[in-house]
Amino acid sequence: MSSELLDRRVVLVVGKGGVGRSTVAAAIAAACARRGRRTLLFEASANDRFGELFGGTGPVGTDITRLRDNLYAVNTNPAAALEEYGLMVLKFRRVYKMVFENRVTRYFLRAIPGLDEYAVLGKAWFHWNEEDRGRRTWDTLVFDMPASGHSMSMLKIPKVILETVPEGPLTRDASTLRKQLQDPAHTAIVLATLAEEMPVAEARELAAALHRQLNLRVSRLVVNQVFPDRFPHGTPGEQILERLEGASGDLAALAGHGWTALRRRRLNERYLAELARHLAIPRLELPLLFAPRLGPGEVDELSRLIEQA
């Protein structure tokens, strides 16, 4: 998995809200950086978690922030992305304000459907093609994308432009962007999920929609927060737990925790089997880490599992 995933120019991490997408993206980015790749961890309009996950950097905002060696992050938003684009084109802030910040222009921009998604996707595209003196600025961009529905809307934008806009510079850029997204040698799509009912159902729907509507194939399925198998079937551990059934006092509390762990694992196994039946995608399972708060140590633990897979 390491060479097929971590050597890509772009890694898009998609999935349902609440499945640990940001943690998976952070772990992938940390693995890329450890391999010596200059990596940008990209998110948009998010309640930043990268500052906390990498410890001591403070919140990541719209300016690129260094997290550690070879690893940087940015948390953009549509307004910041549009301003940056306007300044790139118009060169001077005073001219930008005259053009983009007058009342008529703001009204016109708000009326353009999909502009916010296009501004964010365009900024990401700029960074993964960014060069300095003829050399790529970033070896890898890891994009912690919005939740499933918003990700689909964002990734549809090149297709919509090509179908609706007359041929010109905008359609040429959209065509290049779509080709890069569809090229598995350039872009890897990582679908994060949990081994639970609703996340698995949405993962199946999202993988199908990406392929059917956009000709995008998921490269890797990452099942996050898999409960450890503390009582494998038929082992002495399971037998001891069964004998503690009906115990009282402290033993009852201990047995209760044991049964909770066993049932959570069995639930995970049920939905792991469903994923295997319905999604023929290489899969990586990341364990549930029992920590009050995830930080750099936990991110590195997960990133090494990704490297070793």
C-alpha atoms as a PDB file:
ATOM      1  CA  MET A   1       0.000   0.000   0.000  1.00  0.00           C
ATOM      2  CA  SER A   2       2.795   2.442   0.849  1.00  0.00           C
ATOM      3  CA  SER A   3       4.210   2.768  -2.671  1.00  0.00           C
ATOM      4  CA  GLU A   4       0.806   2.736  -4.385  1.00  0.00           C
ATOM      5  CA  LEU A   5      -0.690   5.371  -2.105  1.00  0.00           C
ATOM      6  CA  LEU A   6       2.060   7.440  -0.517  1.00  0.00           C
ATOM      7  CA  ASP A   7       3.891   8.212  -3.762  1.00  0.00           C
ATOM      8  CA  ARG A   8       0.874   9.824  -5.437  1.00  0.00           C
ATOM      9  CA  ARG A   9       0.834  13.552  -6.164  1.00  0.00           C
ATOM     10  CA  VAL A  10      -2.680  13.933  -4.754  1.00  0.00           C
ATOM     11  CA  VAL A  11      -4.542  11.936  -2.103  1.00  0.00           C
ATOM     12  CA  LEU A  12      -8.236  12.754  -1.674  1.00  0.00           C
ATOM     13  CA  VAL A  13      -9.716  11.485   1.606  1.00  0.00           C
ATOM     14  CA  VAL A  14     -13.493  11.183   1.353  1.00  0.00           C
ATOM     15  CA  GLY A  15     -16.221   9.704   3.529  1.00  0.00           C
ATOM     16  CA  LYS A  16     -19.162  10.297   5.817  1.00  0.00           C
ATOM     17  CA  GLY A  17     -18.926  12.907   8.544  1.00  0.00           C
ATOM     18  CA  GLY A  18     -17.814  11.502  11.898  1.00  0.00           C
ATOM     19  CA  VAL A  19     -15.752   8.555  10.608  1.00  0.00           C
ATOM     20  CA  GLY A  20     -12.375  10.137  11.413  1.00  0.00           C
ATOM     21  CA  ARG A  21     -11.569  11.500   7.957  1.00  0.00           C
ATOM     22  CA  SER A  22      -9.262  14.174   9.346  1.00  0.00           C
ATOM     23  CA  THR A  23      -7.355  11.630  11.441  1.00  0.00           C
ATOM     24  CA  VAL A  24      -6.908   9.351   8.416  1.00  0.00           C
ATOM     25  CA  ALA A  25      -5.767  12.309   6.283  1.00  0.00           C
ATOM     26  CA  ALA A  26      -3.311  13.413   8.992  1.00  0.00           C
ATOM     27  CA  ALA A  27      -1.875   9.895   9.282  1.00  0.00           C
ATOM     28  CA  ILE A  28      -1.433   9.591   5.499  1.00  0.00           C
ATOM     29  CA  ALA A  29       0.245  13.010   5.359  1.00  0.00           C
ATOM     30  CA  ALA A  30       2.566  12.114   8.248  1.00  0.00           C
ATOM     31  CA  ALA A  31       3.584   8.910   6.437  1.00  0.00           C
ATOM     32  CA  CYS A  32       4.288  10.849   3.218  1.00  0.00           C
ATOM     33  CA  ALA A  33       6.394  13.406   5.095  1.00  0.00           C
ATOM     34  CA  ARG A  34       8.388  10.697   6.871  1.00  0.00           C
ATOM     35  CA  ARG A  35       9.260   9.254   3.448  1.00  0.00           C
ATOM     36  CA  GLY A  36      10.884  12.590   2.594  1.00  0.00           C
ATOM     37  CA  ARG A  37       8.033  13.945   0.499  1.00  0.00           C
ATOM     38  CA  ARG A  38       7.241  17.624   0.989  1.00  0.00           C
ATOM     39  CA  THR A  39       3.561  17.343   1.883  1.00  0.00           C
ATOM     40  CA  LEU A  40       0.672  19.806   2.159  1.00  0.00           C
ATOM     41  CA  LEU A  41      -2.279  18.754   4.306  1.00  0.00           C
ATOM     42  CA  PHE A  42      -5.263  20.637   2.900  1.00  0.00           C
ATOM     43  CA  GLU A  43      -8.705  21.212   4.420  1.00  0.00           C
ATOM     44  CA  ALA A  44     -11.476  23.732   3.787  1.00  0.00           C
ATOM     45  CA  SER A  45     -14.037  25.514   5.973  1.00  0.00           C
ATOM     46  CA  ALA A  46     -13.293  23.057   8.768  1.00  0.00           C
ATOM     47  CA  ASN A  47     -13.131  23.242  12.535  1.00  0.00           C
ATOM     48  CA  ASP A  48      -9.409  22.686  12.458  1.00  0.00           C
ATOM     49  CA  ARG A  49      -8.066  19.479  14.022  1.00  0.00           C
ATOM     50  CA  PHE A  50      -4.614  19.416  12.479  1.00  0.00           C
ATOM     51  CA  GLY A  51      -3.097  21.845  14.983  1.00  0.00           C
ATOM     52  CA  GLU A  52      -4.280  19.586  17.819  1.00  0.00           C
ATOM     53  CA  LEU A  53      -3.332  16.327  16.100  1.00  0.00           C
ATOM     54  CA  PHE A  54       0.232  17.475  15.548  1.00  0.00           C
ATOM     55  CA  GLY A  55       0.520  19.286  18.875  1.00  0.00           C
ATOM     56  CA  GLY A  56       1.696  22.748  19.789  1.00  0.00           C
ATOM     57  CA  THR A  57       1.260  24.528  16.470  1.00  0.00           C
ATOM     58  CA  GLY A  58      -1.982  26.332  17.312  1.00  0.00           C
ATOM     59  CA  PRO A  59      -4.994  26.311  14.982  1.00  0.00           C
ATOM     60  CA  VAL A  60      -4.259  25.960  11.280  1.00  0.00           C
ATOM     61  CA  GLY A  61      -5.777  28.838   9.327  1.00  0.00           C
ATOM     62  CA  THR A  62      -5.758  30.244   5.810  1.00  0.00           C
ATOM     63  CA  ASP A  63      -1.988  30.761   5.783  1.00  0.00           C
ATOM     64  CA  ILE A  64       0.197  27.722   5.205  1.00  0.00           C
ATOM     65  CA  THR A  65       1.497  26.473   8.570  1.00  0.00           C
ATOM     66  CA  ARG A  66       4.498  24.234   9.208  1.00  0.00           C
ATOM     67  CA  LEU A  67       3.559  21.203  11.319  1.00  0.00           C
ATOM     68  CA  ARG A  68       6.870  19.297  11.271  1.00  0.00           C
ATOM     69  CA  ASP A  69       9.682  18.422   8.860  1.00  0.00           C
ATOM     70  CA  ASN A  70       8.329  18.116   5.300  1.00  0.00           C
ATOM     71  CA  LEU A  71       4.750  18.609   6.525  1.00  0.00           C
ATOM     72  CA  TYR A  72       2.613  21.746   6.199  1.00  0.00           C
ATOM     73  CA  ALA A  73      -1.110  22.455   6.459  1.00  0.00           C
ATOM     74  CA  VAL A  74      -3.672  25.006   5.361  1.00  0.00           C
ATOM     75  CA  ASN A  75      -7.356  25.423   6.248  1.00  0.00           C
ATOM     76  CA  THR A  76      -8.841  27.578   3.527  1.00  0.00           C
ATOM     77  CA  ASN A  77     -12.391  28.790   2.888  1.00  0.00           C
ATOM     78  CA  PRO A  78     -14.162  30.012  -0.263  1.00  0.00           C
ATOM     79  CA  ALA A  79     -13.680  33.715   0.531  1.00  0.00           C
ATOM     80  CA  ALA A  80      -9.950  33.305   1.210  1.00  0.00           C
ATOM     81  CA  ALA A  81      -9.485  31.129  -1.876  1.00  0.00           C
ATOM     82  CA  LEU A  82     -11.319  33.625  -4.090  1.00  0.00           C
ATOM     83  CA  GLU A  83      -9.295  36.516  -2.658  1.00  0.00           C
ATOM     84  CA  GLU A  84      -6.038  34.681  -3.315  1.00  0.00           C
ATOM     85  CA  TYR A  85      -7.120  33.966  -6.887  1.00  0.00           C
ATOM     86  CA  GLY A  86      -8.155  37.587  -7.416  1.00  0.00           C
ATOM     87  CA  LEU A  87      -4.808  38.849  -6.155  1.00  0.00           C
ATOM     88  CA  MET A  88      -2.938  36.407  -8.404  1.00  0.00           C
ATOM     89  CA  VAL A  89      -4.812  37.729 -11.442  1.00  0.00           C
ATOM     90  CA  LEU A  90      -5.010  41.416 -10.563  1.00  0.00           C
ATOM     91  CA  LYS A  91      -1.637  41.653  -8.740  1.00  0.00           C
ATOM     92  CA  PHE A  92      -2.518  44.579  -6.464  1.00  0.00           C
ATOM     93  CA  ARG A  93      -4.761  44.484  -3.379  1.00  0.00           C
ATOM     94  CA  ARG A  94      -6.240  47.908  -4.133  1.00  0.00           C
ATOM     95  CA  VAL A  95      -7.321  46.753  -7.592  1.00  0.00           C
ATOM     96  CA  TYR A  96      -8.652  43.497  -6.091  1.00  0.00           C
ATOM     97  CA  LYS A  97     -10.812  45.455  -3.646  1.00  0.00           C
ATOM     98  CA  MET A  98     -12.145  47.686  -6.417  1.00  0.00           C
ATOM     99  CA  VAL A  99     -13.129  44.688  -8.541  1.00  0.00           C
ATOM    100  CA  PHE A 100     -14.113  41.953  -6.058  1.00  0.00           C
ATOM    101  CA  GLU A 101     -15.317  43.857  -3.025  1.00  0.00           C
ATOM    102  CA  ASN A 102     -17.770  46.295  -4.512  1.00  0.00           C
ATOM    103  CA  ARG A 103     -21.457  45.636  -3.936  1.00  0.00           C
ATOM    104  CA  VAL A 104     -22.358  44.752  -7.532  1.00  0.00           C
ATOM    105  CA  THR A 105     -19.535  42.218  -7.912  1.00  0.00           C
ATOM    106  CA  ARG A 106     -20.313  40.578  -4.574  1.00  0.00           C
ATOM    107  CA  TYR A 107     -23.972  40.229  -5.572  1.00  0.00           C
ATOM    108  CA  PHE A 108     -22.963  38.703  -8.913  1.00  0.00           C
ATOM    109  CA  LEU A 109     -20.527  36.252  -7.312  1.00  0.00           C
ATOM    110  CA  ARG A 110     -23.097  35.079  -4.760  1.00  0.00           C
ATOM    111  CA  ALA A 111     -25.445  34.243  -7.663  1.00  0.00           C
ATOM    112  CA  ILE A 112     -22.975  31.870  -9.357  1.00  0.00           C
ATOM    113  CA  PRO A 113     -23.920  28.276  -8.440  1.00  0.00           C
ATOM    114  CA  GLY A 114     -21.050  26.150  -7.181  1.00  0.00           C
ATOM    115  CA  LEU A 115     -18.628  29.071  -6.889  1.00  0.00           C
ATOM    116  CA  ASP A 116     -17.632  28.230  -3.308  1.00  0.00           C
ATOM    117  CA  GLU A 117     -16.791  24.613  -4.197  1.00  0.00           C
ATOM    118  CA  TYR A 118     -14.948  25.729  -7.335  1.00  0.00           C
ATOM    119  CA  ALA A 119     -12.890  28.279  -5.394  1.00  0.00           C
ATOM    120  CA  VAL A 120     -11.756  25.644  -2.879  1.00  0.00           C
ATOM    121  CA  LEU A 121     -11.094  22.942  -5.480  1.00  0.00           C
ATOM    122  CA  GLY A 122      -9.262  25.481  -7.621  1.00  0.00           C
ATOM    123  CA  LYS A 123      -6.970  26.425  -4.741  1.00  0.00           C
ATOM    124  CA  ALA A 124      -6.183  22.763  -4.084  1.00  0.00           C
ATOM    125  CA  TRP A 125      -5.483  22.283  -7.803  1.00  0.00           C
ATOM    126  CA  PHE A 126      -3.179  25.315  -7.788  1.00  0.00           C
ATOM    127  CA  HIS A 127      -1.146  23.865  -4.925  1.00  0.00           C
ATOM    128  CA  TRP A 128      -0.767  20.382  -6.387  1.00  0.00           C
ATOM    129  CA  ASN A 129       0.573  21.975  -9.599  1.00  0.00           C
ATOM    130  CA  GLU A 130       2.461  24.775  -7.837  1.00  0.00           C
ATOM    131  CA  GLU A 131       6.081  25.289  -8.881  1.00  0.00           C
ATOM    132  CA  ASP A 132       8.983  27.405  -7.680  1.00  0.00           C
ATOM    133  CA  ARG A 133      11.819  27.980 -10.164  1.00  0.00           C
ATOM    134  CA  GLY A 134      10.754  25.054 -12.252  1.00  0.00           C
ATOM    135  CA  ARG A 135      10.523  22.630  -9.337  1.00  0.00           C
ATOM    136  CA  ARG A 136       7.338  21.315  -7.734  1.00  0.00           C
ATOM    137  CA  THR A 137       6.587  23.058  -4.446  1.00  0.00           C
ATOM    138  CA  TRP A 138       4.744  20.010  -3.056  1.00  0.00           C
ATOM    139  CA  ASP A 139       5.461  16.354  -3.698  1.00  0.00           C
ATOM    140  CA  THR A 140       2.083  15.347  -2.254  1.00  0.00           C
ATOM    141  CA  LEU A 141      -1.138  17.142  -1.412  1.00  0.00           C
ATOM    142  CA  VAL A 142      -3.463  15.301   0.992  1.00  0.00           C
ATOM    143  CA  PHE A 143      -6.960  16.798   0.825  1.00  0.00           C
ATOM    144  CA  ASP A 144      -9.241  16.146   3.806  1.00  0.00           C
ATOM    145  CA  MET A 145     -12.386  16.643   1.750  1.00  0.00           C
ATOM    146  CA  PRO A 146     -15.813  17.675   3.057  1.00  0.00           C
ATOM    147  CA  ALA A 147     -18.427  15.060   3.988  1.00  0.00           C
ATOM    148  CA  SER A 148     -19.771  12.801   1.234  1.00  0.00           C
ATOM    149  CA  GLY A 149     -22.427  15.006  -0.397  1.00  0.00           C
ATOM    150  CA  HIS A 150     -20.237  18.108  -0.472  1.00  0.00           C
ATOM    151  CA  SER A 151     -17.319  16.076  -1.819  1.00  0.00           C
ATOM    152  CA  MET A 152     -19.450  14.866  -4.721  1.00  0.00           C
ATOM    153  CA  SER A 153     -20.595  18.428  -5.479  1.00  0.00           C
ATOM    154  CA  MET A 154     -16.997  19.645  -5.465  1.00  0.00           C
ATOM    155  CA  LEU A 155     -15.667  16.836  -7.643  1.00  0.00           C
ATOM    156  CA  LYS A 156     -18.505  17.304 -10.166  1.00  0.00           C
ATOM    157  CA  ILE A 157     -17.447  20.865 -10.954  1.00  0.00           C
ATOM    158  CA  PRO A 158     -14.974  20.084 -13.804  1.00  0.00           C
ATOM    159  CA  LYS A 159     -17.615  17.899 -15.492  1.00  0.00           C
ATOM    160  CA  VAL A 160     -20.276  20.608 -15.126  1.00  0.00           C
ATOM    161  CA  ILE A 161     -17.956  23.255 -16.588  1.00  0.00           C
ATOM    162  CA  LEU A 162     -17.100  21.077 -19.568  1.00  0.00           C
ATOM    163  CA  GLU A 163     -20.801  20.402 -20.224  1.00  0.00           C
ATOM    164  CA  THR A 164     -22.062  23.974 -19.830  1.00  0.00           C
ATOM    165  CA  VAL A 165     -19.315  26.520 -20.545  1.00  0.00           C
ATOM    166  CA  PRO A 166     -18.172  27.490 -24.072  1.00  0.00           C
ATOM    167  CA  GLU A 167     -14.666  26.363 -24.968  1.00  0.00           C
ATOM    168  CA  GLY A 168     -11.958  28.621 -23.598  1.00  0.00           C
ATOM    169  CA  PRO A 169      -9.437  28.975 -20.757  1.00  0.00           C
ATOM    170  CA  LEU A 170     -11.948  27.815 -18.130  1.00  0.00           C
ATOM    171  CA  THR A 171     -12.815  24.631 -20.001  1.00  0.00           C
ATOM    172  CA  ARG A 172      -9.143  23.899 -20.710  1.00  0.00           C
ATOM    173  CA  ASP A 173      -8.376  24.094 -16.982  1.00  0.00           C
ATOM    174  CA  ALA A 174     -11.429  21.961 -16.178  1.00  0.00           C
ATOM    175  CA  SER A 175     -10.330  19.330 -18.706  1.00  0.00           C
ATOM    176  CA  THR A 176      -6.811  19.192 -17.231  1.00  0.00           C
ATOM    177  CA  LEU A 177      -8.193  18.972 -13.707  1.00  0.00           C
ATOM    178  CA  ARG A 178     -10.582  16.160 -14.626  1.00  0.00           C
ATOM    179  CA  LYS A 179      -7.805  14.183 -16.318  1.00  0.00           C
ATOM    180  CA  GLN A 180      -5.595  14.516 -13.239  1.00  0.00           C
ATOM    181  CA  LEU A 181      -8.418  13.416 -10.955  1.00  0.00           C
ATOM    182  CA  GLN A 182      -9.153  10.372 -13.135  1.00  0.00           C
ATOM    183  CA  ASP A 183      -5.493   9.353 -13.500  1.00  0.00           C
ATOM    184  CA  PRO A 184      -4.741   6.691 -10.829  1.00  0.00           C
ATOM    185  CA  ALA A 185      -1.000   7.282 -11.303  1.00  0.00           C
ATOM    186  CA  HIS A 186      -1.524  10.901 -10.214  1.00  0.00           C
ATOM    187  CA  THR A 187      -4.466  10.829  -7.800  1.00  0.00           C
ATOM    188  CA  ALA A 188      -5.446   8.331  -5.115  1.00  0.00           C
ATOM    189  CA  ILE A 189      -8.933   8.408  -3.618  1.00  0.00           C
ATOM    190  CA  VAL A 190      -9.126   7.054  -0.066  1.00  0.00           C
ATOM    191  CA  LEU A 191     -12.580   6.254   1.269  1.00  0.00           C
ATOM    192  CA  ALA A 192     -12.718   6.351   5.074  1.00  0.00           C
ATOM    193  CA  THR A 193     -15.502   4.599   6.953  1.00  0.00           C
ATOM    194  CA  LEU A 194     -16.383   2.780  10.161  1.00  0.00           C
ATOM    195  CA  ALA A 195     -17.441  -0.871  10.444  1.00  0.00           C
ATOM    196  CA  GLU A 196     -20.967   0.188  11.423  1.00  0.00           C
ATOM    197  CA  GLU A 197     -24.314   0.207   9.643  1.00  0.00           C
ATOM    198  CA  MET A 198     -24.761   3.810   8.481  1.00  0.00           C
ATOM    199  CA  PRO A 199     -21.105   4.505   7.547  1.00  0.00           C
ATOM    200  CA  VAL A 200     -20.908   1.242   5.575  1.00  0.00           C
ATOM    201  CA  ALA A 201     -24.114   2.024   3.680  1.00  0.00           C
ATOM    202  CA  GLU A 202     -22.864   5.509   2.823  1.00  0.00           C
ATOM    203  CA  ALA A 203     -19.425   4.196   1.844  1.00  0.00           C
ATOM    204  CA  ARG A 204     -21.036   1.806  -0.636  1.00  0.00           C
ATOM    205  CA  GLU A 205     -23.184   4.597  -2.089  1.00  0.00           C
ATOM    206  CA  LEU A 206     -20.292   7.040  -2.350  1.00  0.00           C
ATOM    207  CA  ALA A 207     -17.954   4.543  -4.053  1.00  0.00           C
ATOM    208  CA  ALA A 208     -20.684   3.716  -6.577  1.00  0.00           C
ATOM    209  CA  ALA A 209     -21.526   7.383  -7.214  1.00  0.00           C
ATOM    210  CA  LEU A 210     -17.883   8.347  -7.761  1.00  0.00           C
ATOM    211  CA  HIS A 211     -17.479   5.599 -10.341  1.00  0.00           C
ATOM    212  CA  ARG A 212     -20.856   5.923 -12.052  1.00  0.00           C
ATOM    213  CA  GLN A 213     -21.101   9.710 -12.220  1.00  0.00           C
ATOM    214  CA  LEU A 214     -17.463  10.828 -12.427  1.00  0.00           C
ATOM    215  CA  ASN A 215     -15.468   7.784 -13.565  1.00  0.00           C
ATOM    216  CA  LEU A 216     -13.413   8.021 -10.365  1.00  0.00           C
ATOM    217  CA  ARG A 217     -12.327   4.805  -8.682  1.00  0.00           C
ATOM    218  CA  VAL A 218     -11.576   4.509  -4.984  1.00  0.00           C
ATOM    219  CA  SER A 219      -7.965   3.393  -4.525  1.00  0.00           C
ATOM    220  CA  ARG A 220      -8.134   2.348  -0.880  1.00  0.00           C
ATOM    221  CA  LEU A 221     -10.826   1.702   1.684  1.00  0.00           C
ATOM    222  CA  VAL A 222      -9.708   2.637   5.191  1.00  0.00           C
ATOM    223  CA  VAL A 223     -11.894   1.206   7.948  1.00  0.00           C
ATOM    224  CA  ASN A 224     -11.174   3.382  10.938  1.00  0.00           C
ATOM    225  CA  GLN A 225     -11.605   2.722  14.688  1.00  0.00           C
ATOM    226  CA  VAL A 226     -11.871  -1.073  14.436  1.00  0.00           C
ATOM    227  CA  PHE A 227     -12.374  -2.516  17.919  1.00  0.00           C
ATOM    228  CA  PRO A 228      -9.558  -4.880  18.995  1.00  0.00           C
ATOM    229  CA  ASP A 229     -10.266  -8.600  19.033  1.00  0.00           C
ATOM    230  CA  ARG A 230      -9.639  -9.250  22.726  1.00  0.00           C
ATOM    231  CA  PHE A 231     -11.682 -12.466  22.867  1.00  0.00           C
ATOM    232  CA  PRO A 232     -11.215 -14.405  19.601  1.00  0.00           C
ATOM    233  CA  HIS A 233     -13.783 -17.116  18.997  1.00  0.00           C
ATOM    234  CA  GLY A 234     -12.860 -20.443  20.579  1.00  0.00           C
ATOM    235  CA  THR A 235      -9.947 -19.111  22.628  1.00  0.00           C
ATOM    236  CA  PRO A 236      -9.453 -19.477  26.399  1.00  0.00           C
ATOM    237  CA  GLY A 237     -10.236 -15.780  26.752  1.00  0.00           C
ATOM    238  CA  GLU A 238     -13.716 -16.235  25.331  1.00  0.00           C
ATOM    239  CA  GLN A 239     -14.261 -19.332  27.496  1.00  0.00           C
ATOM    240  CA  ILE A 240     -13.278 -17.466  30.662  1.00  0.00           C
ATOM    241  CA  LEU A 241     -15.647 -14.637  29.761  1.00  0.00           C
ATOM    242  CA  GLU A 242     -18.484 -17.130  29.317  1.00  0.00           C
ATOM    243  CA  ARG A 243     -17.775 -18.630  32.749  1.00  0.00           C
ATOM    244  CA  LEU A 244     -18.010 -15.194  34.322  1.00  0.00           C
ATOM    245  CA  GLU A 245     -21.617 -14.912  33.125  1.00  0.00           C
ATOM    246  CA  GLY A 246     -23.775 -14.264  36.197  1.00  0.00           C
ATOM    247  CA  ALA A 247     -20.840 -13.232  38.427  1.00  0.00           C
ATOM    248  CA  SER A 248     -21.412 -10.599  41.080  1.00  0.00           C
ATOM    249  CA  GLY A 249     -19.496  -7.634  42.482  1.00  0.00           C
ATOM    250  CA  ASP A 250     -16.253  -6.578  40.847  1.00  0.00           C
ATOM    251  CA  LEU A 251     -16.225  -9.698  38.689  1.00  0.00           C
ATOM    252  CA  ALA A 252     -19.620  -8.701  37.256  1.00  0.00           C
ATOM    253  CA  ALA A 253     -18.261  -5.270  36.310  1.00  0.00           C
ATOM    254  CA  LEU A 254     -15.186  -6.873  34.742  1.00  0.00           C
ATOM    255  CA  ALA A 255     -17.318  -9.340  32.809  1.00  0.00           C
ATOM    256  CA  GLY A 256     -19.592  -6.508  31.647  1.00  0.00           C
ATOM    257  CA  HIS A 257     -16.658  -4.628  30.141  1.00  0.00           C
ATOM    258  CA  GLY A 258     -15.494  -7.839  28.507  1.00  0.00           C
ATOM    259  CA  TRP A 259     -18.887  -8.539  26.941  1.00  0.00           C
ATOM    260  CA  THR A 260     -19.085  -4.961  25.660  1.00  0.00           C
ATOM    261  CA  ALA A 261     -15.689  -5.365  23.977  1.00  0.00           C
ATOM    262  CA  LEU A 262     -16.687  -8.712  22.483  1.00  0.00           C
ATOM    263  CA  ARG A 263     -20.011  -7.406  21.115  1.00  0.00           C
ATOM    264  CA  ARG A 264     -18.384  -4.313  19.625  1.00  0.00           C
ATOM    265  CA  ARG A 265     -15.831  -6.513  17.884  1.00  0.00           C
ATOM    266  CA  ARG A 266     -18.490  -8.888  16.579  1.00  0.00           C
ATOM    267  CA  LEU A 267     -20.439  -5.899  15.242  1.00  0.00           C
ATOM    268  CA  ASN A 268     -17.330  -4.657  13.460  1.00  0.00           C
ATOM    269  CA  GLU A 269     -16.728  -8.103  11.982  1.00  0.00           C
ATOM    270  CA  ARG A 270     -20.269  -8.217  10.617  1.00  0.00           C
ATOM    271  CA  TYR A 271     -19.824  -4.947   8.714  1.00  0.00           C
ATOM    272  CA  LEU A 272     -16.266  -5.760   7.648  1.00  0.00           C
ATOM    273  CA  ALA A 273     -17.736  -8.844   5.982  1.00  0.00           C
ATOM    274  CA  GLU A 274     -20.401  -6.683   4.294  1.00  0.00           C
ATOM    275  CA  LEU A 275     -17.712  -4.344   2.961  1.00  0.00           C
ATOM    276  CA  ALA A 276     -15.769  -7.324   1.619  1.00  0.00           C
ATOM    277  CA  ARG A 277     -18.880  -8.627  -0.164  1.00  0.00           C
ATOM    278  CA  HIS A 278     -19.846  -5.376  -1.826  1.00  0.00           C
ATOM    279  CA  LEU A 279     -16.646  -3.335  -2.357  1.00  0.00           C
ATOM    280  CA  ALA A 280     -13.802  -4.987  -4.245  1.00  0.00           C
ATOM    281  CA  ILE A 281     -11.324  -2.377  -3.037  1.00  0.00           C
ATOM    282  CA  PRO A 282      -8.027  -2.985  -1.214  1.00  0.00           C
ATOM    283  CA  ARG A 283      -8.783  -2.439   2.468  1.00  0.00           C
ATOM    284  CA  LEU A 284      -6.821  -1.269   5.473  1.00  0.00           C
ATOM    285  CA  GLU A 285      -8.149  -1.521   9.031  1.00  0.00           C
ATOM    286  CA  LEU A 286      -6.985   1.043  11.577  1.00  0.00           C
ATOM    287  CA  PRO A 287      -7.532   0.218  15.254  1.00  0.00           C
ATOM    288  CA  LEU A 288      -9.550   2.181  17.744  1.00  0.00           C
ATOM    289  CA  LEU A 289      -6.957   3.946  19.891  1.00  0.00           C
ATOM    290  CA  PHE A 290      -7.896   4.251  23.548  1.00  0.00           C
ATOM    291  CA  ALA A 291      -6.628   7.747  24.303  1.00  0.00           C
ATOM    292  CA  PRO A 292      -8.415  10.706  25.937  1.00  0.00           C
ATOM    293  CA  ARG A 293      -7.352  12.866  23.004  1.00  0.00           C
ATOM    294  CA  LEU A 294      -5.500  12.039  19.813  1.00  0.00           C
ATOM    295  CA  GLY A 295      -2.156  13.760  19.376  1.00  0.00           C
ATOM    296  CA  PRO A 296       1.154  13.370  17.545  1.00  0.00           C
ATOM    297  CA  GLY A 297       1.921   9.961  19.074  1.00  0.00           C
ATOM    298  CA  GLU A 298      -1.375   8.473  17.945  1.00  0.00           C
ATOM    299  CA  VAL A 299      -1.067  10.028  14.465  1.00  0.00           C
ATOM    300  CA  ASP A 300       2.398   8.498  14.092  1.00  0.00           C
ATOM    301  CA  GLU A 301       1.148   5.099  15.276  1.00  0.00           C
ATOM    302  CA  LEU A 302      -1.568   5.123  12.619  1.00  0.00           C
ATOM    303  CA  SER A 303       0.783   6.464   9.946  1.00  0.00           C
ATOM    304  CA  ARG A 304       3.208   3.587  10.507  1.00  0.00           C
ATOM    305  CA  LEU A 305       0.380   1.099  10.108  1.00  0.00           C
ATOM    306  CA  ILE A 306      -0.439   2.766   6.793  1.00  0.00           C
ATOM    307  CA  GLU A 307       3.196   2.549   5.711  1.00  0.00           C
ATOM    308  CA  GLN A 308       3.432  -1.124   6.620  1.00  0.00           C
ATOM    309  CA  ALA A 309       0.204  -2.160   4.896  1.00  0.00           C
END
